[in-house]
Protein backbone atom coordinates (compact mmCIF):
# COMPACT_ATOMS: atom_id res chain seq x y z
CA MET A 1 4.24 35.70 -0.47
CA PRO A 2 6.44 32.58 -0.45
CA ASP A 3 6.91 30.77 -3.71
CA THR A 4 5.07 27.46 -3.44
CA SER A 5 5.33 26.43 -7.09
CA SER A 6 8.43 24.25 -6.58
CA ARG A 7 6.89 22.60 -3.51
CA SER A 8 3.71 21.89 -5.47
CA SER A 9 5.72 20.42 -8.34
CA SER A 10 7.72 18.27 -5.92
CA SER A 11 4.54 17.02 -4.24
CA SER A 12 3.00 16.14 -7.59
CA THR A 13 6.18 14.33 -8.63
CA GLU A 14 6.19 12.33 -5.41
CA ASP A 15 2.51 11.43 -5.77
CA TYR A 16 3.07 10.04 -9.26
CA ILE A 17 6.22 8.17 -8.31
CA ARG A 18 4.51 6.58 -5.31
CA VAL A 19 1.49 5.49 -7.36
CA ILE A 20 3.75 3.97 -10.04
CA TYR A 21 5.61 2.04 -7.35
CA GLY A 22 2.32 0.85 -5.85
CA LEU A 23 1.02 -0.43 -9.19
CA VAL A 24 4.27 -2.32 -9.77
CA GLU A 25 4.06 -3.81 -6.25
CA ARG A 26 0.66 -5.23 -7.11
CA GLY A 27 1.75 -6.46 -10.52
CA GLU A 28 -0.67 -4.14 -12.29
CA PRO A 29 0.12 -2.44 -15.62
CA VAL A 30 1.49 1.09 -15.37
CA THR A 31 0.04 3.18 -18.17
CA ASN A 32 -1.18 6.74 -18.54
CA THR A 33 -4.71 5.37 -18.19
CA THR A 34 -4.09 3.48 -14.92
CA LEU A 35 -2.18 6.45 -13.50
CA ALA A 36 -5.00 8.82 -14.43
CA ALA A 37 -7.54 6.55 -12.73
CA ARG A 38 -5.53 6.18 -9.52
CA LEU A 39 -4.70 9.88 -9.26
CA GLU A 40 -8.12 11.06 -10.46
CA VAL A 41 -6.72 13.24 -13.23
CA SER A 42 -7.28 13.29 -16.99
CA PRO A 43 -5.23 10.93 -19.19
CA SER A 44 -3.69 13.96 -20.89
CA SER A 45 -2.54 15.33 -17.52
CA ALA A 46 -1.04 11.96 -16.65
CA SER A 47 0.71 11.79 -20.01
CA GLY A 48 2.17 15.26 -19.54
CA MET A 49 3.44 14.41 -16.07
CA VAL A 50 5.00 11.15 -17.24
CA THR A 51 6.88 13.13 -19.90
CA LYS A 52 8.21 15.47 -17.20
CA LEU A 53 9.23 12.54 -15.00
CA SER A 54 11.02 10.99 -17.94
CA GLN A 55 12.91 14.24 -18.57
CA GLN A 56 13.92 14.25 -14.90
CA GLY A 57 15.31 10.72 -15.23
CA LEU A 58 12.79 9.20 -12.84
CA VAL A 59 10.83 6.98 -15.25
CA GLU A 60 11.22 5.45 -18.65
CA HIS A 61 8.49 4.47 -21.07
CA VAL A 62 9.31 0.98 -22.29
CA PRO A 63 7.41 -0.10 -25.45
CA TYR A 64 4.96 -2.96 -24.80
CA ARG A 65 5.83 -2.93 -21.07
CA GLY A 66 4.56 0.46 -19.93
CA ILE A 67 6.04 2.99 -17.55
CA GLU A 68 8.91 1.85 -15.32
CA LEU A 69 10.85 3.58 -12.56
CA THR A 70 14.55 4.19 -13.11
CA PRO A 71 16.94 3.46 -10.20
CA ALA A 72 16.64 7.15 -9.22
CA GLY A 73 12.85 6.94 -9.39
CA LEU A 74 12.81 3.77 -7.32
CA LEU A 75 14.93 5.38 -4.61
CA LEU A 76 12.67 8.45 -4.55
CA ALA A 77 9.53 6.27 -4.38
CA ARG A 78 10.84 4.32 -1.41
CA GLY A 79 11.79 7.54 0.37
CA VAL A 80 8.25 8.84 -0.06
CA LEU A 81 6.80 5.51 1.09
CA ARG A 82 9.05 5.55 4.15
CA ARG A 83 7.63 8.93 5.18
CA HIS A 84 4.05 7.93 4.35
CA ARG A 85 4.10 4.62 6.18
CA LEU A 86 5.93 5.92 9.25
CA ILE A 87 3.39 8.74 9.54
CA GLU A 88 0.52 6.23 9.32
CA THR A 89 2.14 4.12 12.02
CA TYR A 90 2.68 7.13 14.29
CA LEU A 91 -0.92 8.27 13.88
CA VAL A 92 -2.22 4.83 14.89
CA GLN A 93 0.22 4.00 17.69
CA GLU A 94 0.68 7.42 19.27
CA LEU A 95 -2.40 9.48 18.38
CA GLY A 96 -5.14 6.89 18.51
CA TYR A 97 -6.20 6.95 14.86
CA THR A 98 -7.79 3.81 13.40
CA TRP A 99 -6.26 2.18 10.34
CA ASP A 100 -9.06 3.41 8.08
CA GLU A 101 -8.39 7.08 8.99
CA VAL A 102 -4.67 7.45 8.32
CA HIS A 103 -4.14 7.21 4.56
CA LEU A 104 -5.46 10.66 3.61
CA GLU A 105 -3.75 12.26 6.62
CA ALA A 106 -0.43 10.71 5.60
CA ASP A 107 -1.00 11.80 1.99
CA ALA A 108 -1.14 15.40 3.17
CA LEU A 109 1.67 15.20 5.73
CA GLU A 110 4.24 13.20 3.75
CA HIS A 111 5.17 16.24 1.64
CA ALA A 112 5.55 18.56 4.63
CA VAL A 113 7.68 16.65 7.13
CA SER A 114 11.47 16.94 7.18
CA ASP A 115 13.83 13.96 7.04
CA ARG A 116 14.87 14.81 10.60
CA LEU A 117 11.29 14.56 11.86
CA VAL A 118 10.76 11.29 10.00
CA GLU A 119 13.80 9.77 11.69
CA ARG A 120 12.60 11.02 15.09
CA ILE A 121 9.24 9.36 14.41
CA SER A 122 10.98 6.12 13.42
CA ALA A 123 13.09 6.15 16.60
CA LYS A 124 10.04 6.93 18.76
CA LEU A 125 8.24 3.92 17.29
CA GLY A 126 11.24 1.59 17.69
CA HIS A 127 12.11 1.58 13.97
CA PRO A 128 9.14 -0.51 12.77
CA SER A 129 9.41 -2.54 9.56
CA ARG A 130 5.65 -2.60 8.80
CA ASP A 131 2.86 -0.03 8.94
CA PRO A 132 -0.68 -0.64 10.33
CA HIS A 133 -1.79 -2.20 7.01
CA GLY A 134 1.21 -4.57 6.91
CA ASP A 135 2.94 -2.57 4.17
CA PRO A 136 6.75 -2.76 4.43
CA ILE A 137 8.46 0.44 5.57
CA PRO A 138 11.59 1.02 3.46
CA ALA A 139 14.82 1.52 5.41
CA THR A 140 16.79 4.75 5.18
CA ASP A 141 18.97 3.20 2.44
CA GLY A 142 15.90 2.35 0.36
CA SER A 143 15.99 -1.38 1.02
CA VAL A 144 12.71 -3.19 1.65
CA GLU A 145 12.09 -6.33 3.70
CA GLU A 146 9.86 -8.53 1.55
CA LEU A 147 7.90 -11.46 2.96
CA PRO A 148 6.91 -14.49 0.85
CA THR A 149 3.14 -14.15 0.65
CA ARG A 150 0.19 -15.06 -1.53
CA LEU A 151 -3.10 -13.33 -2.07
CA LEU A 152 -5.95 -14.98 -0.20
CA ASP A 153 -7.82 -15.29 -3.49
CA GLU A 154 -5.07 -17.58 -4.83
CA LEU A 155 -5.32 -20.12 -1.99
CA GLU A 156 -7.15 -23.42 -2.16
CA PRO A 157 -9.36 -24.98 0.55
CA GLY A 158 -7.23 -26.37 3.36
CA ALA A 159 -4.60 -23.65 3.16
CA VAL A 160 -3.69 -22.06 6.50
CA GLY A 161 -1.66 -18.93 7.13
CA GLN A 162 -1.42 -15.54 8.76
CA ILE A 163 -2.79 -12.28 7.38
CA VAL A 164 0.22 -10.01 6.90
CA ARG A 165 -0.94 -7.24 4.58
CA VAL A 166 -4.02 -5.41 3.34
CA TRP A 167 -3.51 -3.97 -0.13
CA ASP A 168 -6.56 -1.69 -0.27
CA THR A 169 -6.72 1.73 1.42
CA ASN A 170 -10.50 2.04 0.91
CA PRO A 171 -11.75 3.21 4.36
CA ASN A 172 -15.02 1.29 3.96
CA MET A 173 -13.18 -1.98 3.36
CA LEU A 174 -10.81 -1.36 6.28
CA ARG A 175 -13.75 -0.60 8.58
CA TYR A 176 -15.51 -3.76 7.41
CA LEU A 177 -12.42 -5.85 8.17
CA ALA A 178 -12.00 -4.22 11.59
CA ASP A 179 -15.68 -4.68 12.46
CA HIS A 180 -15.36 -8.39 11.66
CA GLU A 181 -12.00 -8.73 13.47
CA ILE A 182 -10.14 -9.66 10.29
CA GLY A 183 -6.78 -8.01 10.85
CA ILE A 184 -3.02 -8.16 10.54
CA GLY A 185 -1.53 -11.11 12.42
CA GLU A 186 -4.73 -13.14 12.48
CA ARG A 187 -4.68 -16.84 11.61
CA ILE A 188 -6.79 -17.60 8.54
CA GLU A 189 -7.88 -20.91 7.04
CA VAL A 190 -9.56 -21.38 3.68
CA VAL A 191 -12.57 -23.67 4.11
CA GLU A 192 -14.39 -23.57 0.79
CA ARG A 193 -14.41 -21.80 -2.53
CA GLN A 194 -18.06 -21.58 -3.49
CA PRO A 195 -18.82 -22.30 -7.16
CA PHE A 196 -19.89 -19.98 -9.97
CA GLY A 197 -17.88 -17.03 -8.73
CA GLY A 198 -19.22 -17.29 -5.21
CA PRO A 199 -17.39 -16.12 -2.09
CA LEU A 200 -14.41 -17.67 -0.35
CA VAL A 201 -15.41 -19.20 3.00
CA VAL A 202 -12.68 -18.77 5.63
CA ARG A 203 -12.13 -19.25 9.35
CA VAL A 204 -10.34 -16.41 11.14
CA GLY A 205 -8.67 -16.55 14.54
CA ALA A 206 -7.24 -19.25 16.79
CA PRO A 207 -9.35 -21.58 18.95
CA PRO A 208 -11.49 -20.95 20.86
CA GLU A 209 -12.01 -17.51 19.23
CA VAL A 210 -12.71 -18.64 15.64
CA THR A 211 -15.21 -16.95 13.34
CA THR A 212 -16.37 -18.00 9.88
CA HIS A 213 -16.76 -15.50 7.04
CA ALA A 214 -17.79 -15.56 3.38
CA LEU A 215 -15.49 -13.08 1.64
CA GLY A 216 -16.09 -11.67 -1.83
CA LYS A 217 -13.39 -11.42 -4.47
CA GLU A 218 -12.57 -7.77 -3.75
CA ILE A 219 -11.57 -8.58 -0.17
CA ALA A 220 -9.93 -11.89 -1.09
CA GLN A 221 -7.70 -10.00 -3.56
CA ALA A 222 -6.81 -7.36 -0.95
CA LEU A 223 -5.42 -9.68 1.73
CA SER A 224 -1.90 -11.11 1.60
CA VAL A 225 -1.25 -14.27 3.57
CA ALA A 226 1.99 -15.86 4.80
CA VAL A 227 1.13 -19.53 4.28
CA HIS A 228 2.21 -21.99 6.97
């Protein structure tokens, strides 16, 4: 039988590195506890893996700041994200998947595809810079094109912009957004922030196709907007 232990270890390493990168992207603390929650493992398992990653030179544990990627870890994370996000894009554009179906598929495939196949996929798609959720696709050199954006939840009434990214991969949320035609590229205007923790009232779309929605905090914190 073929030895799969090294492949399994590599996949586990890549999963951790990608999750660490994602937490940093969102400005969330990176600790053994947050890693364990995101990866659905025990805190002791997360702690053990972080120790291994540190020994490999991929992360460092900085007192009072948490776990941080080293330059080598950052490059690895962006390589994994490039594969993951290109696969998601291919599944949507070429195979007819919807944006709520692709995350788990890409999770499984990202460890199996070769660099050659990834580059063929990129060329087939015209070398996209964003995936179906608006996440930036790192270039082959690891660089990332960042857009100046703000979370919808941070905007005040009167603000107008374009939805450019959805931060949550929860299929139920993505289906809700799709069902209500709240998607990447749509114009969005903040109308009212209802008091006492109430929802954010927004208008989505350009005239004459404008719809009004009351969005809870979970959705408002999952949408990034390029403000006009």
